[in-house]
Amino acid sequence: MYIWQALKWKMEGKAEKFWIWLSWKMPRKLAYWCAIRVGAHATTGKYGDTVVPGLSMMDMFKRWEGE
């Protein structure tokens, strides 16, 4: 069981490195609009009463993930 867990952690680390690499290669305009999309999701629908300047980035990410 330990070997499978170690392999899983190693693969997750590689996946994270890939996503970090990809995010740095994205055009700035695309990254900008992705941020706008996350912000819009975090302040509409069931979160519609949220005051935007009071919302932290971590709260936006949690709402995007569905927590």
Protein backbone atom coordinates (compact mmCIF):
# COMPACT_ATOMS: atom_id res chain seq x y z
CA MET A 1 0.00 0.00 0.00
CA TYR A 2 2.85 2.38 0.75
CA ILE A 3 4.29 1.96 -2.76
CA TRP A 4 0.97 2.88 -4.41
CA GLN A 5 0.62 5.92 -2.18
CA ALA A 6 4.16 7.04 -3.02
CA LEU A 7 3.50 6.58 -6.75
CA LYS A 8 0.26 8.53 -6.47
CA TRP A 9 2.03 11.45 -4.74
CA LYS A 10 4.76 11.42 -7.36
CA MET A 11 2.25 11.50 -10.23
CA GLU A 12 0.22 14.26 -8.55
CA GLY A 13 3.40 16.31 -8.24
CA LYS A 14 4.09 15.88 -11.94
CA ALA A 15 0.54 16.86 -12.82
CA GLU A 16 0.82 19.99 -10.68
CA LYS A 17 4.12 20.91 -12.34
CA PHE A 18 2.46 20.50 -15.74
CA TRP A 19 -0.42 22.83 -14.81
CA ILE A 20 2.00 25.41 -13.42
CA TRP A 21 4.07 25.24 -16.61
CA LEU A 22 0.94 25.57 -18.75
CA SER A 23 -0.35 28.55 -16.78
CA TRP A 24 2.92 30.43 -17.40
CA LYS A 25 2.70 29.67 -21.14
CA MET A 26 -0.87 30.98 -21.46
CA PRO A 27 -1.36 34.27 -23.26
CA ARG A 28 -1.96 37.10 -20.79
CA LYS A 29 -5.36 37.94 -22.26
CA LEU A 30 -6.54 34.37 -21.75
CA ALA A 31 -5.33 34.35 -18.14
CA TYR A 32 -7.07 37.69 -17.59
CA TRP A 33 -10.40 36.40 -18.88
CA CYS A 34 -10.06 33.20 -16.85
CA ALA A 35 -9.66 35.33 -13.72
CA ILE A 36 -12.73 37.37 -14.72
CA ARG A 37 -14.70 34.13 -15.15
CA VAL A 38 -13.74 32.87 -11.68
CA GLY A 39 -14.58 36.23 -10.14
CA ALA A 40 -17.96 36.33 -11.88
CA HIS A 41 -18.78 32.82 -10.67
CA ALA A 42 -17.83 33.75 -7.10
CA THR A 43 -20.20 36.74 -7.02
CA THR A 44 -23.32 35.52 -8.86
CA GLY A 45 -26.05 32.96 -8.28
CA LYS A 46 -26.20 31.80 -4.69
CA TYR A 47 -23.30 34.20 -3.93
CA GLY A 48 -25.09 37.19 -5.48
CA ASP A 49 -25.15 39.20 -2.26
CA THR A 50 -21.32 39.18 -1.99
CA VAL A 51 -19.59 42.54 -1.83
CA VAL A 52 -16.83 42.20 -4.43
CA PRO A 53 -14.08 44.28 -2.75
CA GLY A 54 -14.47 42.18 0.40
CA LEU A 55 -13.93 38.85 -1.38
CA SER A 56 -10.50 37.26 -1.16
CA MET A 57 -8.93 35.23 -3.96
CA MET A 58 -8.94 32.12 -1.80
CA ASP A 59 -12.68 32.50 -1.25
CA MET A 60 -13.15 32.79 -5.02
CA PHE A 61 -11.19 29.58 -5.58
CA LYS A 62 -13.16 27.74 -2.90
CA ARG A 63 -16.41 28.81 -4.53
CA TRP A 64 -15.12 27.77 -7.96
CA GLU A 65 -14.26 24.31 -6.61
CA GLY A 66 -17.69 24.02 -5.04
CA GLU A 67 -16.86 24.03 -1.34
